[in-house]
Amino acid sequence: MQLDLVRSLFAIFVVIVSLLRLMSDHEYFRLTAMKKIWGRTRGLLFHFLVNVVLPLLAALYFLCRSITSHGLLSPLSPPF
């Protein structure tokens, strides 16, 4: 359970850092390279999907997995 919780917290951290970098005035070299290769719109979209959406989905997955493995959402079972 703790490992899944740590993974979800790390994925949330990655999402926050990526969003801050994406919304920053200073553009980072990876984003600039993506925009040069695929164009502005597709480069921003690809950067957003890879660096924000995928870690957010991983965070949700690991958070739900950690909650269910702890027994908070599991069905009622006999106490033995």
Protein backbone atom coordinates (compact mmCIF):
# COMPACT_ATOMS: atom_id res chain seq x y z
CA MET A 1 0.00 0.00 0.00
CA GLN A 2 2.68 2.51 0.91
CA LEU A 3 4.53 2.00 -2.37
CA ASP A 4 1.41 2.79 -4.40
CA LEU A 5 0.78 5.86 -2.27
CA VAL A 6 4.35 7.06 -2.83
CA ARG A 7 3.99 6.45 -6.57
CA SER A 8 0.78 8.46 -6.68
CA LEU A 9 2.35 11.35 -4.75
CA PHE A 10 5.35 11.33 -7.08
CA ALA A 11 3.09 11.36 -10.13
CA ILE A 12 1.16 14.32 -8.68
CA PHE A 13 4.49 16.08 -8.13
CA VAL A 14 5.43 15.46 -11.78
CA VAL A 15 2.09 16.89 -12.92
CA ILE A 16 2.54 20.03 -10.82
CA VAL A 17 6.10 20.62 -12.00
CA SER A 18 5.14 20.02 -15.64
CA LEU A 19 2.19 22.40 -15.43
CA LEU A 20 4.35 25.08 -13.82
CA ARG A 21 6.95 24.66 -16.55
CA LEU A 22 4.30 24.73 -19.27
CA MET A 23 2.74 27.92 -17.93
CA SER A 24 6.06 29.63 -17.22
CA ASP A 25 7.28 32.62 -19.20
CA HIS A 26 10.60 30.87 -19.81
CA GLU A 27 10.27 28.05 -22.35
CA TYR A 28 12.26 24.90 -21.67
CA PHE A 29 14.43 23.24 -24.32
CA ARG A 30 12.28 20.10 -24.69
CA LEU A 31 9.16 22.10 -25.37
CA THR A 32 11.03 24.27 -27.86
CA ALA A 33 12.35 21.17 -29.63
CA MET A 34 8.87 19.63 -29.77
CA LYS A 35 7.42 22.82 -31.22
CA LYS A 36 10.16 22.94 -33.86
CA ILE A 37 9.64 19.34 -34.89
CA TRP A 38 5.83 19.06 -34.84
CA GLY A 39 4.69 22.68 -35.00
CA ARG A 40 3.34 24.87 -32.22
CA THR A 41 -0.08 23.29 -31.70
CA ARG A 42 0.93 19.64 -32.01
CA GLY A 43 4.11 20.22 -29.99
CA LEU A 44 2.20 21.80 -27.11
CA LEU A 45 -0.45 19.08 -27.28
CA PHE A 46 2.15 16.29 -27.28
CA HIS A 47 4.05 17.93 -24.41
CA PHE A 48 0.82 18.33 -22.41
CA LEU A 49 -0.27 14.72 -23.00
CA VAL A 50 3.09 13.18 -22.16
CA ASN A 51 4.11 15.39 -19.25
CA VAL A 52 0.76 16.22 -17.63
CA VAL A 53 -2.03 13.83 -18.63
CA LEU A 54 -0.10 10.54 -18.41
CA PRO A 55 1.39 11.28 -14.96
CA LEU A 56 -2.03 12.44 -13.76
CA LEU A 57 -3.60 9.17 -14.91
CA ALA A 58 -0.79 7.26 -13.20
CA ALA A 59 -1.39 9.25 -10.00
CA LEU A 60 -5.09 8.44 -10.07
CA TYR A 61 -4.42 4.77 -10.76
CA PHE A 62 -1.88 4.36 -7.96
CA LEU A 63 -3.96 6.39 -5.52
CA CYS A 64 -7.03 4.24 -6.18
CA ARG A 65 -4.91 1.11 -5.98
CA SER A 66 -3.46 2.18 -2.65
CA ILE A 67 -6.91 2.97 -1.24
CA THR A 68 -8.41 -0.33 -2.37
CA SER A 69 -5.47 -2.43 -1.17
CA HIS A 70 -5.84 -0.84 2.26
CA GLY A 71 -9.38 -2.11 2.39
CA LEU A 72 -11.24 1.18 2.41
CA LEU A 73 -13.23 0.40 -0.71
CA SER A 74 -13.20 -3.39 -0.62
CA PRO A 75 -16.49 -5.21 -0.03
CA LEU A 76 -17.40 -6.30 3.46
CA SER A 77 -15.78 -9.57 4.36
CA PRO A 78 -15.75 -11.74 7.48
CA PRO A 79 -13.11 -10.65 10.01
CA PHE A 80 -10.82 -13.69 9.80
